[in-house]
Each structure stands twice: as structure tokens, then as C-alpha cells.
Amino acid sequence: MRMILRRILSQVGFTVTEAGDGLEALAALAELQQQQQTPEVALIDWNMPNLNGLELIKEIRRRPELSRMTLMMVTTEGEQAQIVRALAAGAHEYVIKPFTPDAILEKLELLGVLPLAVAE
């Protein structure tokens, strides 16, 4: 799934950093911040080992330096209660798998983070 999302995002001009779980994601974010970079958007799966997607969202939202980052949950978890929990925790959008590349790009455009040349 990460490979598919990487391909979709790379094709529209995003620089992609991947993480296999929530702890790796936090480490990658810390490394990027040391380089004075903060990602514009993160696509997060609910079902990750070590630190699940909901916990990752909560941890990112606790960090003021990451507060402007757009978070989109992309997961198989489609129960209404889980969607509500993710949005209440700070996710901006929620996409249920399976999805099409167009669905991901439409959500990114809706969130205002799709590169301008692609959005037009």
C-alpha cells in the first residue's frame, strides 16, 4: 500500500518519506525537522505496529512544531466511530481502502495541499 501511495504522490510532485510504523514515522519527522523541514501532509494508516495511526495523529497534534501539518487517514477501518475518533484527534480527512488514485488526489485538492500545477 505504501508503494501505491508513494507512486501516486511522487507523480504529482511530492517528495515522499515512508515509515513502516508510527514510531518510524515520528523518527522520520524528527530527522526532517533537524533539517529544518516539516512535511506538508502525512497519509497515515490506522493499522500500524508499535504506534497505531490514531496514536500517531494524537502524538503529532501534541507537538506545536507539527501543528500545521495536514493529516489524512488512509485505512481499511471504515466504522463510523473510528472515523469520528480520527477526525476528533486531528485528522483532516479520512479515506477508506480500497481507493483509486483519483480519490487520493481529490482529497488532497480538497485539503489544499495538491501542488498547484496538478490542481489546475
Foldseek 3Di string as FASTA:
>chain_A
DVVVVCVLQVVQPDDDDDDQALVRVVVVQVVCVVVVDHDQEDEAEQDGPPAGRLRSLLVLCVDPVNVNHAYEYEYQDDDPVVQVSSVVSPHPYYHHPPDDSVVVQVVCVVVVNRPPVVND
